[in-house]
């Protein structure tokens, strides 16, 4: 019974987080913004994160054209001489 209670609690927490995320996306859409924040916005929210800074720089480098496929563009980057190349995001 203790296990069932924990599983129910976990499901409730996850469901609340899912709903919170959906509301945040809808609020951005209502404001005329894209549904998700781009990597530059995410880096500005957390300026201490080196990972977010690298991701934002790669996003900026590939053109930031609002292309939903920017992750694949970064993943297949051919800028071998770039100092960030070995640590670029979205690699498999």
PDB file of N, CA and C in Angstrom:
ATOM      1  N   UNK A   1       0.829  -1.204   0.000  1.00  0.00           N
ATOM      2  CA  UNK A   1       0.000   0.000   0.000  1.00  0.00           C
ATOM      3  C   UNK A   1       0.866   1.258   0.000  1.00  0.00           C
ATOM      4  N   UNK A   2       2.006   1.179   0.701  1.00  0.00           N
ATOM      5  CA  UNK A   2       2.907   2.317   0.709  1.00  0.00           C
ATOM      6  C   UNK A   2       3.410   2.624  -0.701  1.00  0.00           C
ATOM      7  N   UNK A   3       3.704   1.590  -1.474  1.00  0.00           N
ATOM      8  CA  UNK A   3       4.181   1.750  -2.845  1.00  0.00           C
ATOM      9  C   UNK A   3       3.103   2.399  -3.715  1.00  0.00           C
ATOM     10  N   UNK A   4       1.866   1.988  -3.549  1.00  0.00           N
ATOM     11  CA  UNK A   4       0.765   2.563  -4.309  1.00  0.00           C
ATOM     12  C   UNK A   4       0.628   4.050  -4.005  1.00  0.00           C
ATOM     13  N   UNK A   5       0.782   4.422  -2.735  1.00  0.00           N
ATOM     14  CA  UNK A   5       0.674   5.819  -2.336  1.00  0.00           C
ATOM     15  C   UNK A   5       1.780   6.644  -2.996  1.00  0.00           C
ATOM     16  N   UNK A   6       2.995   6.127  -3.008  1.00  0.00           N
ATOM     17  CA  UNK A   6       4.096   6.846  -3.633  1.00  0.00           C
ATOM     18  C   UNK A   6       3.876   6.998  -5.134  1.00  0.00           C
ATOM     19  N   UNK A   7       3.427   5.946  -5.777  1.00  0.00           N
ATOM     20  CA  UNK A   7       3.175   6.017  -7.214  1.00  0.00           C
ATOM     21  C   UNK A   7       2.087   7.038  -7.520  1.00  0.00           C
ATOM     22  N   UNK A   8       1.024   7.045  -6.717  1.00  0.00           N
ATOM     23  CA  UNK A   8      -0.055   8.019  -6.915  1.00  0.00           C
ATOM     24  C   UNK A   8       0.468   9.426  -6.710  1.00  0.00           C
ATOM     25  N   UNK A   9       1.292   9.625  -5.670  1.00  0.00           N
ATOM     26  CA  UNK A   9       1.869  10.938  -5.403  1.00  0.00           C
ATOM     27  C   UNK A   9       2.734  11.376  -6.584  1.00  0.00           C
ATOM     28  N   UNK A  10       3.614  10.493  -7.069  1.00  0.00           N
ATOM     29  CA  UNK A  10       4.478  10.818  -8.199  1.00  0.00           C
ATOM     30  C   UNK A  10       3.662  11.191  -9.431  1.00  0.00           C
ATOM     31  N   UNK A  11       2.600  10.453  -9.690  1.00  0.00           N
ATOM     32  CA  UNK A  11       1.748  10.748 -10.843  1.00  0.00           C
ATOM     33  C   UNK A  11       1.098  12.118 -10.693  1.00  0.00           C
ATOM     34  N   UNK A  12       0.669  12.454  -9.482  1.00  0.00           N
ATOM     35  CA  UNK A  12       0.050  13.760  -9.244  1.00  0.00           C
ATOM     36  C   UNK A  12       1.054  14.890  -9.458  1.00  0.00           C
ATOM     37  N   UNK A  13       2.269  14.714  -8.952  1.00  0.00           N
ATOM     38  CA  UNK A  13       3.304  15.732  -9.122  1.00  0.00           C
ATOM     39  C   UNK A  13       3.624  15.913 -10.599  1.00  0.00           C
ATOM     40  N   UNK A  14       3.776  14.816 -11.315  1.00  0.00           N
ATOM     41  CA  UNK A  14       4.069  14.899 -12.748  1.00  0.00           C
ATOM     42  C   UNK A  14       2.930  15.543 -13.523  1.00  0.00           C
ATOM     43  N   UNK A  15       1.718  15.215 -13.170  1.00  0.00           N
ATOM     44  CA  UNK A  15       0.559  15.801 -13.847  1.00  0.00           C
ATOM     45  C   UNK A  15       0.494  17.309 -13.594  1.00  0.00           C
ATOM     46  N   UNK A  16       0.779  17.734 -12.356  1.00  0.00           N
ATOM     47  CA  UNK A  16       0.771  19.166 -12.042  1.00  0.00           C
ATOM     48  C   UNK A  16       1.853  19.897 -12.831  1.00  0.00           C
ATOM     49  N   UNK A  17       3.028  19.288 -12.952  1.00  0.00           N
ATOM     50  CA  UNK A  17       4.122  19.902 -13.715  1.00  0.00           C
ATOM     51  C   UNK A  17       3.751  19.996 -15.192  1.00  0.00           C
ATOM     52  N   UNK A  18       3.112  18.962 -15.724  1.00  0.00           N
ATOM     53  CA  UNK A  18       2.687  18.970 -17.125  1.00  0.00           C
ATOM     54  C   UNK A  18       1.694  20.103 -17.374  1.00  0.00           C
ATOM     55  N   UNK A  19       0.726  20.245 -16.484  1.00  0.00           N
ATOM     56  CA  UNK A  19      -0.286  21.299 -16.628  1.00  0.00           C
ATOM     57  C   UNK A  19       0.364  22.675 -16.532  1.00  0.00           C
ATOM     58  N   UNK A  20       1.302  22.841 -15.591  1.00  0.00           N
ATOM     59  CA  UNK A  20       2.001  24.119 -15.443  1.00  0.00           C
ATOM     60  C   UNK A  20       2.744  24.473 -16.730  1.00  0.00           C
ATOM     61  N   UNK A  21       3.398  23.488 -17.334  1.00  0.00           N
ATOM     62  CA  UNK A  21       4.111  23.709 -18.590  1.00  0.00           C
ATOM     63  C   UNK A  21       3.177  24.090 -19.723  1.00  0.00           C
ATOM     64  N   UNK A  22       2.034  23.413 -19.795  1.00  0.00           N
ATOM     65  CA  UNK A  22       1.052  23.724 -20.839  1.00  0.00           C
ATOM     66  C   UNK A  22       0.519  25.142 -20.678  1.00  0.00           C
ATOM     67  N   UNK A  23       0.301  25.575 -19.444  1.00  0.00           N
ATOM     68  CA  UNK A  23      -0.185  26.937 -19.199  1.00  0.00           C
ATOM     69  C   UNK A  23       0.877  27.970 -19.594  1.00  0.00           C
ATOM     70  N   UNK A  24       2.137  27.668 -19.324  1.00  0.00           N
ATOM     71  CA  UNK A  24       3.214  28.584 -19.690  1.00  0.00           C
ATOM     72  C   UNK A  24       3.310  28.727 -21.210  1.00  0.00           C
ATOM     73  N   UNK A  25       3.190  27.616 -21.914  1.00  0.00           N
ATOM     74  CA  UNK A  25       3.217  27.649 -23.381  1.00  0.00           C
ATOM     75  C   UNK A  25       2.050  28.470 -23.904  1.00  0.00           C
ATOM     76  N   UNK A  26       0.870  28.251 -23.368  1.00  0.00           N
ATOM     77  CA  UNK A  26      -0.314  28.995 -23.819  1.00  0.00           C
ATOM     78  C   UNK A  26      -0.165  30.486 -23.530  1.00  0.00           C
ATOM     79  N   UNK A  27       0.419  30.833 -22.387  1.00  0.00           N
ATOM     80  CA  UNK A  27       0.621  32.247 -22.048  1.00  0.00           C
ATOM     81  C   UNK A  27       1.553  32.908 -23.065  1.00  0.00           C
ATOM     82  N   UNK A  28       2.609  32.218 -23.489  1.00  0.00           N
ATOM     83  CA  UNK A  28       3.516  32.765 -24.501  1.00  0.00           C
ATOM     84  C   UNK A  28       2.794  32.946 -25.831  1.00  0.00           C
ATOM     85  N   UNK A  29       1.997  31.968 -26.203  1.00  0.00           N
ATOM     86  CA  UNK A  29       1.249  32.046 -27.463  1.00  0.00           C
ATOM     87  C   UNK A  29       0.272  33.220 -27.410  1.00  0.00           C
ATOM     88  N   UNK A  30      -0.394  33.393 -26.273  1.00  0.00           N
ATOM     89  CA  UNK A  30      -1.344  34.499 -26.111  1.00  0.00           C
ATOM     90  C   UNK A  30      -0.661  35.856 -26.250  1.00  0.00           C
ATOM     91  N   UNK A  31       0.610  35.929 -25.886  1.00  0.00           N
ATOM     92  CA  UNK A  31       1.364  37.174 -26.004  1.00  0.00           C
ATOM     93  C   UNK A  31       1.969  37.364 -27.399  1.00  0.00           C
ATOM     94  N   UNK A  32       1.727  36.406 -28.279  1.00  0.00           N
ATOM     95  CA  UNK A  32       2.250  36.493 -29.631  1.00  0.00           C
ATOM     96  C   UNK A  32       3.694  36.029 -29.747  1.00  0.00           C
ATOM     97  N   UNK A  33       4.177  35.319 -28.738  1.00  0.00           N
ATOM     98  CA  UNK A  33       5.545  34.797 -28.746  1.00  0.00           C
ATOM     99  C   UNK A  33       5.548  33.358 -29.219  1.00  0.00           C
ATOM    100  N   UNK A  34       6.705  32.845 -29.619  1.00  0.00           N
ATOM    101  CA  UNK A  34       6.785  31.415 -29.954  1.00  0.00           C
ATOM    102  C   UNK A  34       6.430  30.577 -28.718  1.00  0.00           C
ATOM    103  N   UNK A  35       5.971  29.373 -28.944  1.00  0.00           N
ATOM    104  CA  UNK A  35       5.528  28.514 -27.841  1.00  0.00           C
ATOM    105  C   UNK A  35       6.663  28.212 -26.860  1.00  0.00           C
ATOM    106  N   UNK A  36       7.840  28.029 -27.361  1.00  0.00           N
ATOM    107  CA  UNK A  36       8.989  27.701 -26.511  1.00  0.00           C
ATOM    108  C   UNK A  36      10.030  28.810 -26.584  1.00  0.00           C
ATOM    109  N   UNK A  37      10.780  28.979 -25.499  1.00  0.00           N
ATOM    110  CA  UNK A  37      11.861  29.956 -25.480  1.00  0.00           C
ATOM    111  C   UNK A  37      13.014  29.442 -26.319  1.00  0.00           C
ATOM    112  N   UNK A  38      13.692  30.356 -26.989  1.00  0.00           N
ATOM    113  CA  UNK A  38      14.862  29.952 -27.768  1.00  0.00           C
ATOM    114  C   UNK A  38      16.074  29.867 -26.829  1.00  0.00           C
ATOM    115  N   UNK A  39      17.163  29.258 -27.287  1.00  0.00           N
ATOM    116  CA  UNK A  39      18.333  29.086 -26.423  1.00  0.00           C
ATOM    117  C   UNK A  39      18.916  30.381 -25.868  1.00  0.00           C
ATOM    118  N   UNK A  40      18.800  31.470 -26.587  1.00  0.00           N
ATOM    119  CA  UNK A  40      19.319  32.739 -26.085  1.00  0.00           C
ATOM    120  C   UNK A  40      18.486  33.224 -24.906  1.00  0.00           C
ATOM    121  N   UNK A  41      17.172  33.112 -25.005  1.00  0.00           N
ATOM    122  CA  UNK A  41      16.301  33.484 -23.879  1.00  0.00           C
ATOM    123  C   UNK A  41      16.600  32.618 -22.661  1.00  0.00           C
ATOM    124  N   UNK A  42      16.814  31.330 -22.890  1.00  0.00           N
ATOM    125  CA  UNK A  42      17.117  30.414 -21.783  1.00  0.00           C
ATOM    126  C   UNK A  42      18.446  30.765 -21.124  1.00  0.00           C
ATOM    127  N   UNK A  43      19.444  31.142 -21.906  1.00  0.00           N
ATOM    128  CA  UNK A  43      20.748  31.512 -21.357  1.00  0.00           C
ATOM    129  C   UNK A  43      20.655  32.795 -20.539  1.00  0.00           C
ATOM    130  N   UNK A  44      19.854  33.738 -21.002  1.00  0.00           N
ATOM    131  CA  UNK A  44      19.690  34.991 -20.255  1.00  0.00           C
ATOM    132  C   UNK A  44      18.991  34.758 -18.922  1.00  0.00           C
ATOM    133  N   UNK A  45      18.101  33.764 -18.858  1.00  0.00           N
ATOM    134  CA  UNK A  45      17.421  33.441 -17.601  1.00  0.00           C
ATOM    135  C   UNK A  45      18.369  32.806 -16.593  1.00  0.00           C
ATOM    136  N   UNK A  46      19.403  32.134 -17.083  1.00  0.00           N
ATOM    137  CA  UNK A  46      20.339  31.430 -16.209  1.00  0.00           C
ATOM    138  C   UNK A  46      21.765  31.733 -16.659  1.00  0.00           C
ATOM    139  N   UNK A  47      22.257  32.954 -16.383  1.00  0.00           N
ATOM    140  CA  UNK A  47      23.562  33.366 -16.901  1.00  0.00           C
ATOM    141  C   UNK A  47      24.745  32.602 -16.305  1.00  0.00           C
ATOM    142  N   UNK A  48      24.524  31.846 -15.252  1.00  0.00           N
ATOM    143  CA  UNK A  48      25.602  31.062 -14.649  1.00  0.00           C
ATOM    144  C   UNK A  48      25.815  29.721 -15.350  1.00  0.00           C
ATOM    145  N   UNK A  49      24.911  29.342 -16.250  1.00  0.00           N
ATOM    146  CA  UNK A  49      24.986  28.039 -16.893  1.00  0.00           C
ATOM    147  C   UNK A  49      25.877  28.071 -18.128  1.00  0.00           C
ATOM    148  N   UNK A  50      27.005  27.381 -18.033  1.00  0.00           N
ATOM    149  CA  UNK A  50      27.912  27.292 -19.172  1.00  0.00           C
ATOM    150  C   UNK A  50      27.254  26.539 -20.324  1.00  0.00           C
ATOM    151  N   UNK A  51      26.524  25.476 -20.032  1.00  0.00           N
ATOM    152  CA  UNK A  51      25.843  24.682 -21.068  1.00  0.00           C
ATOM    153  C   UNK A  51      24.853  25.542 -21.834  1.00  0.00           C
ATOM    154  N   UNK A  52      24.065  26.342 -21.117  1.00  0.00           N
ATOM    155  CA  UNK A  52      23.083  27.194 -21.793  1.00  0.00           C
ATOM    156  C   UNK A  52      23.778  28.267 -22.637  1.00  0.00           C
ATOM    157  N   UNK A  53      24.925  28.758 -22.167  1.00  0.00           N
ATOM    158  CA  UNK A  53      25.681  29.759 -22.925  1.00  0.00           C
ATOM    159  C   UNK A  53      26.226  29.164 -24.221  1.00  0.00           C
ATOM    160  N   UNK A  54      26.753  27.943 -24.146  1.00  0.00           N
ATOM    161  CA  UNK A  54      27.281  27.283 -25.349  1.00  0.00           C
ATOM    162  C   UNK A  54      26.148  27.033 -26.350  1.00  0.00           C
ATOM    163  N   UNK A  55      25.018  26.552 -25.846  1.00  0.00           N
ATOM    164  CA  UNK A  55      23.875  26.292 -26.713  1.00  0.00           C
ATOM    165  C   UNK A  55      23.410  27.580 -27.386  1.00  0.00           C
ATOM    166  N   UNK A  56      23.361  28.671 -26.614  1.00  0.00           N
ATOM    167  CA  UNK A  56      22.934  29.961 -27.172  1.00  0.00           C
ATOM    168  C   UNK A  56      23.901  30.444 -28.249  1.00  0.00           C
ATOM    169  N   UNK A  57      25.194  30.274 -28.024  1.00  0.00           N
ATOM    170  CA  UNK A  57      26.187  30.715 -29.015  1.00  0.00           C
ATOM    171  C   UNK A  57      26.059  29.909 -30.308  1.00  0.00           C
ATOM    172  N   UNK A  58      25.874  28.593 -30.169  1.00  0.00           N
ATOM    173  CA  UNK A  58      25.693  27.757 -31.364  1.00  0.00           C
ATOM    174  C   UNK A  58      24.412  28.155 -32.103  1.00  0.00           C
ATOM    175  N   UNK A  59      23.365  28.434 -31.355  1.00  0.00           N
ATOM    176  CA  UNK A  59      22.095  28.870 -31.960  1.00  0.00           C
ATOM    177  C   UNK A  59      22.307  30.171 -32.727  1.00  0.00           C
ATOM    178  N   UNK A  60      23.027  31.088 -32.115  1.00  0.00           N
ATOM    179  CA  UNK A  60      23.321  32.363 -32.768  1.00  0.00           C
ATOM    180  C   UNK A  60      24.148  32.142 -34.037  1.00  0.00           C
ATOM    181  N   UNK A  61      25.096  31.236 -33.968  1.00  0.00           N
ATOM    182  CA  UNK A  61      25.986  30.986 -35.104  1.00  0.00           C
ATOM    183  C   UNK A  61      25.250  30.388 -36.310  1.00  0.00           C
ATOM    184  N   UNK A  62      24.261  29.528 -36.060  1.00  0.00           N
ATOM    185  CA  UNK A  62      23.556  28.902 -37.189  1.00  0.00           C
ATOM    186  C   UNK A  62      22.496  29.809 -37.794  1.00  0.00           C
ATOM    187  N   UNK A  63      22.331  30.995 -37.248  1.00  0.00           N
ATOM    188  CA  UNK A  63      21.475  31.964 -37.896  1.00  0.00           C
ATOM    189  C   UNK A  63      20.213  32.362 -37.165  1.00  0.00           C
ATOM    190  N   UNK A  64      19.798  31.644 -36.163  1.00  0.00           N
ATOM    191  CA  UNK A  64      18.623  31.995 -35.357  1.00  0.00           C
ATOM    192  C   UNK A  64      17.410  32.361 -36.204  1.00  0.00           C
ATOM    193  N   UNK A  65      17.195  31.713 -37.293  1.00  0.00           N
ATOM    194  CA  UNK A  65      16.127  32.121 -38.195  1.00  0.00           C
ATOM    195  C   UNK A  65      14.762  31.588 -37.798  1.00  0.00           C
ATOM    196  N   UNK A  66      14.630  31.134 -36.563  1.00  0.00           N
ATOM    197  CA  UNK A  66      13.347  30.598 -36.136  1.00  0.00           C
ATOM    198  C   UNK A  66      13.079  29.229 -36.725  1.00  0.00           C
ATOM    199  N   UNK A  67      14.117  28.634 -37.298  1.00  0.00           N
ATOM    200  CA  UNK A  67      13.978  27.311 -37.895  1.00  0.00           C
ATOM    201  C   UNK A  67      13.798  26.278 -36.795  1.00  0.00           C
ATOM    202  N   UNK A  68      12.687  25.549 -36.805  1.00  0.00           N
ATOM    203  CA  UNK A  68      12.488  24.547 -35.762  1.00  0.00           C
ATOM    204  C   UNK A  68      13.502  23.413 -35.851  1.00  0.00           C
ATOM    205  N   UNK A  69      14.228  23.319 -36.943  1.00  0.00           N
ATOM    206  CA  UNK A  69      15.234  22.286 -37.100  1.00  0.00           C
ATOM    207  C   UNK A  69      16.635  22.746 -36.722  1.00  0.00           C
ATOM    208  N   UNK A  70      16.741  23.822 -35.948  1.00  0.00           N
ATOM    209  CA  UNK A  70      18.060  24.349 -35.617  1.00  0.00           C
ATOM    210  C   UNK A  70      18.892  23.344 -34.831  1.00  0.00           C
ATOM    211  N   UNK A  71      18.248  22.452 -34.085  1.00  0.00           N
ATOM    212  CA  UNK A  71      19.000  21.445 -33.327  1.00  0.00           C
ATOM    213  C   UNK A  71      19.787  20.537 -34.279  1.00  0.00           C
ATOM    214  N   UNK A  72      19.143  20.131 -35.361  1.00  0.00           N
ATOM    215  CA  UNK A  72      19.825  19.277 -36.350  1.00  0.00           C
ATOM    216  C   UNK A  72      20.946  20.052 -37.028  1.00  0.00           C
ATOM    217  N   UNK A  73      20.737  21.331 -37.303  1.00  0.00           N
ATOM    218  CA  UNK A  73      21.771  22.149 -37.924  1.00  0.00           C
ATOM    219  C   UNK A  73      22.988  22.241 -37.010  1.00  0.00           C
ATOM    220  N   UNK A  74      22.762  22.422 -35.714  1.00  0.00           N
ATOM    221  CA  UNK A  74      23.866  22.473 -34.753  1.00  0.00           C
ATOM    222  C   UNK A  74      24.536  21.100 -34.648  1.00  0.00           C
ATOM    223  N   UNK A  75      23.726  20.064 -34.590  1.00  0.00           N
ATOM    224  CA  UNK A  75      24.257  18.701 -34.462  1.00  0.00           C
ATOM    225  C   UNK A  75      25.196  18.371 -35.621  1.00  0.00           C
ATOM    226  N   UNK A  76      24.841  18.822 -36.831  1.00  0.00           N
ATOM    227  CA  UNK A  76      25.632  18.486 -38.020  1.00  0.00           C
ATOM    228  C   UNK A  76      26.590  19.606 -38.435  1.00  0.00           C
ATOM    229  N   UNK A  77      26.870  20.490 -37.522  1.00  0.00           N
ATOM    230  CA  UNK A  77      27.777  21.618 -37.774  1.00  0.00           C
ATOM    231  C   UNK A  77      29.102  21.119 -38.345  1.00  0.00           C
ATOM    232  N   UNK A  78      29.641  21.886 -39.297  1.00  0.00           N
ATOM    233  CA  UNK A  78      30.928  21.533 -39.898  1.00  0.00           C
ATOM    234  C   UNK A  78      32.005  22.568 -39.565  1.00  0.00           C
ATOM    235  N   UNK A  79      31.766  23.361 -38.554  1.00  0.00           N
ATOM    236  CA  UNK A  79      32.749  24.371 -38.130  1.00  0.00           C
ATOM    237  C   UNK A  79      33.813  23.744 -37.242  1.00  0.00           C
ATOM    238  N   UNK A  80      34.588  22.843 -37.828  1.00  0.00           N
ATOM    239  CA  UNK A  80      35.556  22.050 -37.080  1.00  0.00           C
ATOM    240  C   UNK A  80      36.588  22.895 -36.336  1.00  0.00           C
ATOM    241  N   UNK A  81      36.865  24.088 -36.839  1.00  0.00           N
ATOM    242  CA  UNK A  81      37.869  24.942 -36.195  1.00  0.00           C
ATOM    243  C   UNK A  81      37.288  25.754 -35.036  1.00  0.00           C
ATOM    244  N   UNK A  82      35.984  25.733 -34.872  1.00  0.00           N
ATOM    245  CA  UNK A  82      35.331  26.465 -33.774  1.00  0.00           C
ATOM    246  C   UNK A  82      35.745  25.846 -32.439  1.00  0.00           C
ATOM    247  N   UNK A  83      36.116  26.658 -31.473  1.00  0.00           N
ATOM    248  CA  UNK A  83      36.509  26.102 -30.178  1.00  0.00           C
ATOM    249  C   UNK A  83      35.356  25.398 -29.445  1.00  0.00           C
ATOM    250  N   UNK A  84      34.130  25.685 -29.833  1.00  0.00           N
ATOM    251  CA  UNK A  84      32.983  25.040 -29.195  1.00  0.00           C
ATOM    252  C   UNK A  84      32.555  23.765 -29.908  1.00  0.00           C
ATOM    253  N   UNK A  85      33.159  23.480 -31.040  1.00  0.00           N
ATOM    254  CA  UNK A  85      32.746  22.322 -31.832  1.00  0.00           C
ATOM    255  C   UNK A  85      32.691  21.018 -31.017  1.00  0.00           C
ATOM    256  N   UNK A  86      33.703  20.698 -30.237  1.00  0.00           N
ATOM    257  CA  UNK A  86      33.668  19.422 -29.504  1.00  0.00           C
ATOM    258  C   UNK A  86      32.583  19.357 -28.422  1.00  0.00           C
ATOM    259  N   UNK A  87      32.107  20.511 -27.976  1.00  0.00           N
ATOM    260  CA  UNK A  87      31.114  20.522 -26.886  1.00  0.00           C
ATOM    261  C   UNK A  87      29.762  21.064 -27.331  1.00  0.00           C
ATOM    262  N   UNK A  88      29.566  21.156 -28.640  1.00  0.00           N
ATOM    263  CA  UNK A  88      28.297  21.689 -29.145  1.00  0.00           C
ATOM    264  C   UNK A  88      27.139  20.807 -28.675  1.00  0.00           C
ATOM    265  N   UNK A  89      25.978  21.400 -28.522  1.00  0.00           N
ATOM    266  CA  UNK A  89      24.821  20.641 -28.009  1.00  0.00           C
ATOM    267  C   UNK A  89      24.181  19.770 -29.085  1.00  0.00           C
ATOM    268  N   UNK A  90      23.263  18.941 -28.637  1.00  0.00           N
ATOM    269  CA  UNK A  90      22.398  18.108 -29.481  1.00  0.00           C
ATOM    270  C   UNK A  90      23.144  16.993 -30.207  1.00  0.00           C
ATOM    271  N   UNK A  91      24.349  16.662 -29.736  1.00  0.00           N
ATOM    272  CA  UNK A  91      25.058  15.524 -30.322  1.00  0.00           C
ATOM    273  C   UNK A  91      24.458  14.235 -29.767  1.00  0.00           C
ATOM    274  N   UNK A  92      24.506  13.197 -30.549  1.00  0.00           N
ATOM    275  CA  UNK A  92      23.983  11.920 -30.074  1.00  0.00           C
ATOM    276  C   UNK A  92      25.020  11.207 -29.247  1.00  0.00           C
TER     277      UNK A  92
END
